[in-house]
Protein backbone atom coordinates (compact mmCIF):
# COMPACT_ATOMS: atom_id res chain seq x y z
CA MET A 1 0.19 -0.16 0.27
CA HIS A 2 1.51 3.23 -1.39
CA GLU A 3 1.88 6.32 1.52
CA THR A 4 0.11 9.10 0.80
CA PRO A 5 2.45 12.07 0.29
CA PRO A 6 2.50 15.25 2.53
CA SER A 7 0.70 18.11 2.04
CA PRO A 8 2.66 20.79 1.15
CA PRO A 9 2.30 22.69 4.52
CA ALA A 10 3.36 19.14 6.11
CA GLN A 11 6.17 18.69 3.63
CA LYS A 12 7.84 22.61 4.35
CA ALA A 13 7.39 21.59 8.13
CA LYS A 14 9.25 18.51 7.60
CA ALA A 15 11.75 20.44 5.88
CA ALA A 16 12.25 22.86 8.18
CA THR A 17 12.77 20.64 10.93
CA ALA A 18 15.49 18.51 8.86
CA CYS A 19 17.47 21.97 8.28
CA LEU A 20 17.20 23.08 12.02
CA MET A 21 18.57 19.70 13.42
CA VAL A 22 21.59 19.93 10.54
CA MET A 23 22.06 23.59 11.85
CA THR A 24 22.36 22.45 15.30
CA ALA A 25 24.27 20.09 15.19
CA VAL A 26 26.78 21.19 12.66
CA ALA A 27 27.16 24.53 15.33
CA THR A 28 28.13 22.29 18.03
CA VAL A 29 31.19 21.35 16.16
CA PHE A 30 32.04 24.64 15.35
CA MET A 31 30.98 26.06 18.76
CA THR A 32 34.51 26.06 19.92
CA GLN A 33 35.83 28.52 17.54
CA SER A 34 35.16 31.93 18.70
CA ILE A 35 35.89 30.74 22.47
CA PHE A 36 39.78 29.49 22.23
CA LEU A 37 40.85 32.15 24.40
CA GLU A 38 38.38 31.31 27.23
CA ILE A 39 39.29 27.42 26.73
CA SER A 40 42.91 28.26 27.17
CA ASN A 41 42.34 30.61 30.47
CA ALA A 42 39.83 27.82 31.87
CA PHE A 43 42.60 24.68 31.33
CA HIS A 44 45.71 27.12 31.79
CA LEU A 45 46.39 26.40 28.24
CA ASP A 46 48.73 28.26 25.73
CA ILE A 47 45.85 29.90 22.97
CA ALA A 48 47.51 27.74 20.17
CA ARG A 49 46.87 24.20 21.92
CA ALA A 50 43.05 25.44 22.47
CA ARG A 51 42.59 25.64 18.91
CA PHE A 52 42.97 21.48 19.18
CA ALA A 53 39.14 21.52 20.72
CA PHE A 54 38.27 22.48 17.60
CA SER A 55 40.27 20.12 15.10
CA VAL A 56 39.43 17.25 17.36
CA ALA A 57 35.83 17.56 17.11
CA SER A 58 35.86 18.23 13.14
CA LEU A 59 38.15 15.41 12.62
CA CYS A 60 35.79 12.83 14.22
CA TYR A 61 33.01 14.98 12.48
CA ALA A 62 34.50 14.28 9.04
CA ALA A 63 36.05 10.64 9.48
CA ALA A 64 32.47 9.67 11.19
CA PHE A 65 30.72 9.79 7.84
CA PHE A 66 32.90 7.00 6.21
CA PHE A 67 31.44 4.64 8.48
CA ILE A 68 28.01 6.09 8.33
CA GLY A 69 27.33 6.96 4.81
CA PRO A 70 26.53 3.34 3.80
CA LEU A 71 24.27 3.05 6.88
CA ALA A 72 22.09 6.27 5.43
CA ASP A 73 21.69 3.75 2.71
CA ARG A 74 20.40 1.16 4.66
CA PHE A 75 18.38 1.92 8.00
CA ASP A 76 15.57 4.57 8.77
CA LEU A 77 17.15 7.74 8.27
CA PRO A 78 15.01 9.85 11.00
CA LYS A 79 15.72 7.43 13.30
CA MET A 80 19.33 7.55 12.98
CA ALA A 81 19.32 11.37 13.20
CA LEU A 82 17.32 11.39 16.64
CA THR A 83 19.82 8.90 17.74
CA GLY A 84 22.55 11.67 16.52
CA LEU A 85 20.83 14.34 18.74
CA THR A 86 20.37 11.86 21.96
CA ALA A 87 23.98 11.03 21.89
CA LEU A 88 24.88 14.79 21.01
CA CYS A 89 23.05 16.19 24.08
CA ALA A 90 25.06 13.67 26.43
CA ALA A 91 28.53 14.18 24.57
CA ILE A 92 27.94 18.21 25.07
CA LEU A 93 26.59 17.95 28.98
CA ILE A 94 30.00 15.66 29.75
CA ALA A 95 32.32 18.57 28.26
CA SER A 96 30.61 20.93 30.28
CA VAL A 97 31.98 19.44 33.15
CA ALA A 98 35.32 18.71 32.07
CA PRO A 99 37.96 19.00 34.79
CA SER A 100 40.66 18.91 32.25
CA PHE A 101 41.65 19.44 28.99
CA SER A 102 42.16 15.78 27.73
CA TYR A 103 38.91 15.04 29.22
CA PHE A 104 37.39 18.04 27.18
CA ILE A 105 39.03 16.96 24.18
CA THR A 106 37.57 13.54 24.39
CA ALA A 107 34.34 15.22 25.25
CA MET A 108 34.66 16.88 21.64
CA GLY A 109 35.94 14.34 20.07
CA LEU A 110 32.42 12.33 20.84
CA ILE A 111 30.43 15.54 20.18
CA GLY A 112 32.17 15.67 16.28
CA PHE A 113 30.93 11.59 15.53
CA SER A 114 27.22 12.13 17.16
CA ALA A 115 26.93 15.14 15.31
CA ALA A 116 27.79 13.53 11.91
CA LEU A 117 24.69 11.23 12.31
CA VAL A 118 22.28 14.26 11.64
CA PRO A 119 23.56 15.71 8.32
CA ALA A 120 24.35 12.36 6.98
CA SER A 121 21.21 11.16 7.32
CA MET A 122 19.15 14.27 6.76
CA ILE A 123 20.79 15.40 3.60
CA PRO A 124 19.82 12.36 1.54
CA HIS A 125 16.46 12.47 3.32
CA MET A 126 15.41 15.74 2.26
CA THR A 127 15.81 14.79 -1.28
CA LEU A 128 12.85 12.48 -0.45
CA LEU A 129 10.91 15.26 1.04
CA ALA A 130 11.64 17.68 -2.06
CA PRO A 131 9.45 18.24 -5.17
CA PRO A 132 11.44 17.03 -8.26
CA GLU A 133 10.55 20.86 -9.75
CA LYS A 134 12.15 22.03 -6.18
CA LEU A 135 14.87 19.63 -5.62
CA GLY A 136 17.86 22.36 -6.30
CA LEU A 137 15.85 24.70 -3.75
CA TYR A 138 15.55 22.23 -0.84
CA VAL A 139 19.21 20.90 -1.32
CA GLY A 140 20.52 24.54 -1.42
CA ALA A 141 18.02 24.97 1.92
CA ILE A 142 19.80 22.08 4.01
CA VAL A 143 23.17 22.76 2.59
CA ALA A 144 23.15 26.40 3.70
CA SER A 145 21.76 25.17 7.16
CA GLY A 146 24.53 23.24 8.09
CA THR A 147 26.86 26.86 7.13
CA LEU A 148 24.25 28.61 9.20
CA GLY A 149 25.41 26.20 11.92
CA ILE A 150 28.83 27.36 11.36
CA VAL A 151 27.78 30.84 12.25
CA PHE A 152 25.17 29.83 14.63
CA GLY A 153 27.86 28.18 16.92
CA ARG A 154 30.31 30.77 16.29
CA VAL A 155 28.16 33.78 17.06
CA ALA A 156 25.91 32.08 19.86
CA VAL A 157 28.60 30.26 21.93
CA GLY A 158 30.38 33.24 21.64
CA LEU A 159 27.87 35.65 23.12
CA LEU A 160 26.59 32.98 25.60
CA THR A 161 30.48 32.55 26.68
CA ALA A 162 31.09 36.31 27.17
CA HIS A 163 27.85 36.98 29.59
CA LEU A 164 27.74 33.42 31.23
CA GLY A 165 30.97 31.48 30.88
CA TRP A 166 31.83 28.79 28.26
CA ARG A 167 30.38 25.57 30.66
CA ALA A 168 26.86 27.20 30.98
CA ALA A 169 26.89 27.98 27.28
CA PHE A 170 27.28 24.45 26.68
CA ARG A 171 24.73 23.39 28.63
CA ILE A 172 22.00 25.94 27.17
CA VAL A 173 22.72 24.12 23.78
CA ALA A 174 22.20 20.80 25.16
CA VAL A 175 18.54 21.87 26.58
CA LEU A 176 17.79 23.44 22.70
CA LEU A 177 19.08 19.76 21.35
CA MET A 178 16.68 18.10 23.79
CA VAL A 179 13.62 20.68 22.36
CA LEU A 180 15.01 19.87 18.79
CA TRP A 181 15.04 16.13 19.70
CA ALA A 182 11.30 16.53 20.59
CA ALA A 183 10.08 18.28 17.59
CA ALA A 184 12.08 15.92 15.29
CA TYR A 185 10.51 13.28 16.68
CA ALA A 186 6.46 14.91 16.40
CA TRP A 187 7.13 15.48 13.04
CA LEU A 188 9.66 13.28 10.95
CA MET A 189 8.60 9.76 12.66
CA GLU A 190 4.92 10.51 10.85
CA THR A 191 4.26 9.21 7.61
CA THR A 192 7.69 10.55 6.53
CA PRO A 193 8.29 9.44 3.07
CA ARG A 194 10.36 6.21 3.09
CA ARG A 195 12.37 4.77 0.37
CA ALA A 196 13.32 1.06 -0.10
CA PRO A 197 16.28 -0.08 1.57
CA ALA A 198 19.71 -0.71 -0.39
CA PRO A 199 19.26 -4.60 -1.39
CA ARG A 200 22.90 -5.40 -0.72
CA LYS A 201 24.57 -6.42 2.65
CA LEU A 202 26.56 -3.88 4.65
CA SER A 203 29.82 -5.10 3.65
CA GLU A 204 29.12 -4.43 0.24
CA LEU A 205 27.68 -0.81 0.67
CA TYR A 206 31.11 -0.08 2.27
CA LEU A 207 32.80 -1.50 -0.63
CA SER A 208 30.38 0.37 -2.98
CA ALA A 209 31.30 3.73 -1.08
CA ILE A 210 35.37 2.88 -1.07
CA ARG A 211 34.83 2.55 -5.53
CA LEU A 212 33.25 5.79 -5.58
CA VAL A 213 36.29 7.47 -4.73
CA CYS A 214 37.81 5.80 -7.61
CA SER A 215 35.30 7.33 -9.91
CA PRO A 216 36.37 9.83 -11.93
CA LYS A 217 33.58 12.71 -11.86
CA PRO A 218 33.12 11.70 -7.70
CA LEU A 219 36.50 11.90 -6.99
CA ALA A 220 37.20 15.40 -9.03
CA LEU A 221 34.26 16.93 -7.32
CA PHE A 222 35.93 15.18 -3.77
CA ALA A 223 38.80 16.76 -4.46
CA THR A 224 36.96 20.77 -5.30
CA GLY A 225 35.03 20.12 -2.40
CA PHE A 226 38.50 19.37 0.03
CA PHE A 227 40.59 22.38 -1.69
CA LEU A 228 37.23 24.82 -1.43
CA PHE A 229 37.14 23.78 2.41
CA PHE A 230 40.80 23.73 3.09
CA GLY A 231 40.93 27.65 2.01
CA PHE A 232 37.54 28.41 3.63
CA LEU A 233 37.44 27.08 6.85
CA GLY A 234 41.21 27.63 7.16
CA MET A 235 40.82 31.30 6.90
CA VAL A 236 38.02 31.33 8.86
CA THR A 237 39.55 29.75 11.87
CA PHE A 238 42.55 31.71 11.69
CA LEU A 239 40.38 34.61 11.77
CA THR A 240 39.70 34.33 15.26
CA TYR A 241 43.34 34.45 15.70
CA ARG A 242 43.79 37.24 13.85
CA LEU A 243 41.29 39.27 15.48
CA THR A 244 42.11 38.20 19.38
CA ALA A 245 45.62 39.84 18.47
CA PRO A 246 46.96 43.25 18.02
CA PRO A 247 45.66 45.90 16.48
CA PHE A 248 42.66 44.49 16.75
CA LEU A 249 41.98 42.96 20.23
CA PHE A 250 38.39 41.76 19.90
CA THR A 251 36.57 39.47 22.74
CA ALA A 252 34.77 36.15 22.24
CA GLY A 253 31.61 38.51 22.21
CA GLU A 254 33.25 40.82 19.61
CA VAL A 255 34.64 37.55 17.28
CA GLY A 256 30.74 36.31 17.74
CA TRP A 257 29.40 38.98 16.01
CA ILE A 258 31.43 39.74 12.90
CA SER A 259 30.60 35.95 12.42
CA LEU A 260 27.01 36.78 11.70
CA ALA A 261 28.73 37.67 8.16
CA GLY A 262 28.23 34.01 7.55
CA LEU A 263 24.51 34.70 7.28
CA THR A 264 25.28 35.07 3.32
CA ALA A 265 24.90 31.49 3.16
CA LEU A 266 21.53 32.10 2.67
CA ILE A 267 22.41 32.57 -0.69
CA ALA A 268 22.79 28.49 -1.19
CA PRO A 269 18.52 27.70 -1.77
CA PHE A 270 18.69 30.77 -4.63
CA ALA A 271 22.21 29.09 -6.18
CA GLY A 272 20.68 25.73 -6.00
CA ASN A 273 17.29 27.24 -8.06
CA LEU A 274 19.45 29.03 -10.68
CA SER A 275 21.27 26.26 -11.24
CA GLN A 276 18.25 24.29 -12.39
CA GLN A 277 17.98 26.97 -15.20
CA THR A 278 21.29 28.26 -16.07
CA GLY A 279 23.49 24.74 -15.14
CA PRO A 280 25.82 24.40 -12.28
CA TYR A 281 29.07 25.24 -13.49
CA LYS A 282 27.56 28.76 -14.84
CA VAL A 283 27.17 29.38 -10.59
CA SER A 284 29.55 27.64 -9.16
CA LEU A 285 32.55 28.56 -10.72
CA PRO A 286 31.82 32.27 -10.60
CA GLY A 287 31.24 31.47 -6.78
CA LEU A 288 34.82 30.30 -6.42
CA GLY A 289 35.98 33.64 -8.09
CA ILE A 290 34.16 35.65 -5.32
CA CYS A 291 35.78 33.00 -2.77
CA LEU A 292 39.60 33.95 -3.96
CA VAL A 293 38.54 38.04 -3.96
CA ALA A 294 37.35 37.44 -0.42
CA LEU A 295 40.20 36.37 0.77
CA GLN A 296 42.28 39.04 -0.67
CA LEU A 297 39.70 41.52 1.21
CA MET A 298 40.80 39.63 4.56
CA GLY A 299 44.21 38.85 3.96
CA TRP A 300 45.74 42.24 3.20
CA SER A 301 43.32 45.00 4.91
CA GLU A 302 43.53 46.16 8.63
CA SER A 303 40.25 47.74 8.59
CA VAL A 304 37.25 45.88 9.88
CA PRO A 305 34.48 46.77 7.81
CA LEU A 306 36.61 45.49 4.86
CA ILE A 307 37.00 42.49 7.04
CA THR A 308 33.43 41.93 7.40
CA LEU A 309 32.88 42.97 3.69
CA GLY A 310 35.60 39.72 2.97
CA LEU A 311 33.76 37.59 5.57
CA LEU A 312 29.99 38.47 3.46
CA LEU A 313 31.82 37.29 -0.04
CA LEU A 314 33.54 34.43 1.67
CA PHE A 315 30.38 32.69 2.56
CA ALA A 316 28.60 33.80 -0.41
CA GLY A 317 31.15 32.17 -2.78
CA ALA A 318 31.31 29.11 -0.83
CA TYR A 319 27.95 28.55 -0.86
CA CYS A 320 27.21 29.24 -4.43
CA CYS A 321 29.26 26.21 -4.53
CA GLN A 322 28.63 24.07 -2.15
CA PRO A 323 24.82 22.57 -3.04
CA LEU A 324 25.99 22.64 -6.98
CA ILE A 325 28.47 20.06 -6.09
CA PHE A 326 25.87 18.06 -4.25
CA LEU A 327 23.83 18.12 -7.09
CA LEU A 328 26.25 17.05 -9.37
CA ILE A 329 27.42 14.31 -7.24
CA GLY A 330 23.97 13.14 -6.88
CA ALA A 331 23.42 13.04 -10.21
CA SER A 332 26.87 11.03 -10.69
CA VAL A 333 25.93 8.04 -9.07
CA PRO A 334 23.38 5.64 -8.45
CA SER A 335 20.49 6.58 -5.82
CA THR A 336 21.33 3.50 -4.14
CA SER A 337 24.49 5.42 -3.25
CA LEU A 338 23.40 8.50 -2.70
CA GLY A 339 24.11 8.38 1.36
CA SER A 340 27.41 7.23 0.55
CA ALA A 341 28.16 10.01 -1.41
CA SER A 342 27.13 12.73 0.19
CA SER A 343 28.69 11.42 3.34
CA LEU A 344 32.22 11.07 1.65
CA TYR A 345 31.64 14.54 -0.17
CA ILE A 346 31.11 16.11 4.02
CA LEU A 347 33.98 13.95 4.74
CA VAL A 348 36.29 15.72 2.72
CA CYS A 349 34.76 19.01 3.41
CA ILE A 350 34.94 19.25 6.65
CA GLY A 351 38.23 16.43 6.69
CA GLY A 352 39.66 19.91 4.43
CA GLY A 353 38.71 22.40 7.41
CA SER A 354 39.97 20.21 9.83
CA LEU A 355 43.40 19.44 8.29
CA SER A 356 43.64 23.42 7.74
CA SER A 357 43.55 23.86 11.26
CA MET A 358 46.39 22.02 11.93
CA VAL A 359 48.56 22.41 8.74
CA LEU A 360 48.33 25.87 8.90
CA GLY A 361 49.55 26.09 12.34
CA PRO A 362 53.09 26.13 11.51
CA VAL A 363 52.44 28.80 8.85
CA TRP A 364 50.93 31.13 11.17
CA THR A 365 53.88 30.61 13.73
CA LEU A 366 56.46 31.43 10.66
CA TRP A 367 54.69 33.58 8.63
CA GLY A 368 51.30 35.22 10.38
CA TRP A 369 48.02 36.48 8.95
CA PRO A 370 49.84 36.95 5.02
CA GLY A 371 50.57 33.18 5.17
CA ILE A 372 47.82 32.02 5.72
CA THR A 373 46.08 33.92 3.20
CA LEU A 374 48.55 32.97 0.64
CA ALA A 375 47.92 29.43 1.74
CA CYS A 376 44.17 29.41 1.63
CA SER A 377 43.99 31.39 -1.59
CA LEU A 378 46.23 28.72 -3.29
CA SER A 379 43.71 25.91 -2.07
CA LEU A 380 40.83 27.99 -3.43
CA ALA A 381 42.63 28.37 -6.89
CA MET A 382 43.24 24.48 -6.65
CA ALA A 383 39.49 23.84 -6.17
CA ALA A 384 38.58 26.26 -9.11
CA GLY A 385 41.02 24.78 -11.35
CA VAL A 386 39.48 21.20 -10.48
CA LEU A 387 36.24 22.13 -11.69
CA SER A 388 37.14 24.12 -14.70
CA THR A 389 38.75 21.07 -15.74
CA LEU A 390 35.89 19.21 -15.09
CA ALA A 391 33.54 21.65 -16.77
CA ILE A 392 35.88 21.91 -20.02
CA ARG A 393 35.48 18.04 -20.17
CA GLU A 394 31.67 17.93 -19.99
CA MET A 395 31.63 20.43 -22.67
CA VAL A 396 33.62 18.86 -25.15
CA THR A 397 32.16 15.15 -24.40
CA ARG A 398 28.89 17.37 -25.11
CA ASN A 399 29.53 19.05 -28.19
CA ILE A 400 31.24 15.77 -29.64
CA LEU A 401 27.97 13.93 -29.00
CA ASN A 402 25.76 16.45 -30.00
CA THR A 403 28.42 16.61 -33.42
CA HIS A 404 27.63 13.20 -33.95
CA ARG A 405 24.17 12.89 -32.97
CA ASP A 406 23.97 15.73 -35.84
CA SER A 407 25.83 13.63 -38.75
CA ARG A 408 23.39 10.91 -37.97
CA SER A 409 20.46 12.95 -38.82
CA ILE A 410 22.04 14.15 -41.65
CA SER A 411 23.11 10.53 -42.84
CA LYS A 412 19.41 9.53 -42.22
CA GLU A 413 17.94 12.10 -44.38
CA ILE A 414 20.31 11.41 -46.96
CA ASN A 415 19.14 7.97 -47.21
CA ASN A 416 15.47 8.89 -47.16
CA ASN A 417 16.46 10.77 -49.89
CA ASP A 418 18.26 8.48 -51.80
CA SER A 419 15.41 5.93 -50.94
CA LEU A 420 12.67 8.31 -52.39
CA SER A 421 14.53 8.96 -55.63
CA CYS A 422 15.19 5.31 -55.98
């Protein structure tokens, strides 16, 4: 018996709930970025060591997608997301009472792994909720919600920490997750569209995920995401160091406020919708160009308004590109591998951002902010190069196919004329 599709209002409510879940889960991974100074003071560390709170959380978050992705092709997606919210809430409460930095780092690793369950299940689930004619809009919306999570985590926890301390801020986030769990249970567990589970063993799903990495087009798109996020998140992470040092000397609250510039990631749904009319490359490649301009504004200016403008453009450019790569990946893999493919893409993106916070540490020590700017600019240029090569290759292939089709049509017409003359 077929399930009745949800009415448009219910469909939108389910989509909004999924977006809120992804936004809050991602926020927990990035919430330490604006409070490095407070963490270093709490545990009597150098601020450079405090950044490992983010590095560990984001690396565990990224690594989890490899293990969770194939599960998303087999198990119930809303139940996976609710499990993630439950584990995430427990891990945050553990972090809020951490007596030492090693204890805190362990809890941050659990936060990262638990948080991954939510986007790994809700991003493929959004493709079930979306009407076919609005697929780009819905996918863009849930991708934008992940970015808003980065902004929300930095801003909200930064402001709460400035007024109440970071431990109280963590507990407030845990309470918010409990409320969200109840809303998700009410909306997503009720007559939600289901898909048939992948008709393969779990071991075969993991092997299929590994094969995806070896396929030329998905591999090129994964590489684009890696270089994009290495440059994008590398710049955003070290911006905290830049702004808390002279001549700015920002507090956690002020770093949080300037992070509101990331709200320009709301462009993602519109970029997804536009790409269905113009094609994904005509939107994503200019987006990467905007990112490169943004890095130069942020990197070479000592004016707070110009740095803020650069941050606005950086998020806008990155999220003109991000949802379209999701769509390109979805179009290049079988539907039964969509969960694995989207999870692997998130893995390489967040993995790139996590590695940037570690790899760029020595760059910051040796060459400071100019070194970070150059390294991140090079990474984004590589992303643009890979995506441009893929776009050119597809255009050439399409032209060859069109030429071949035209020549066959002409030959067929000549043969028909010959037959008529006979």
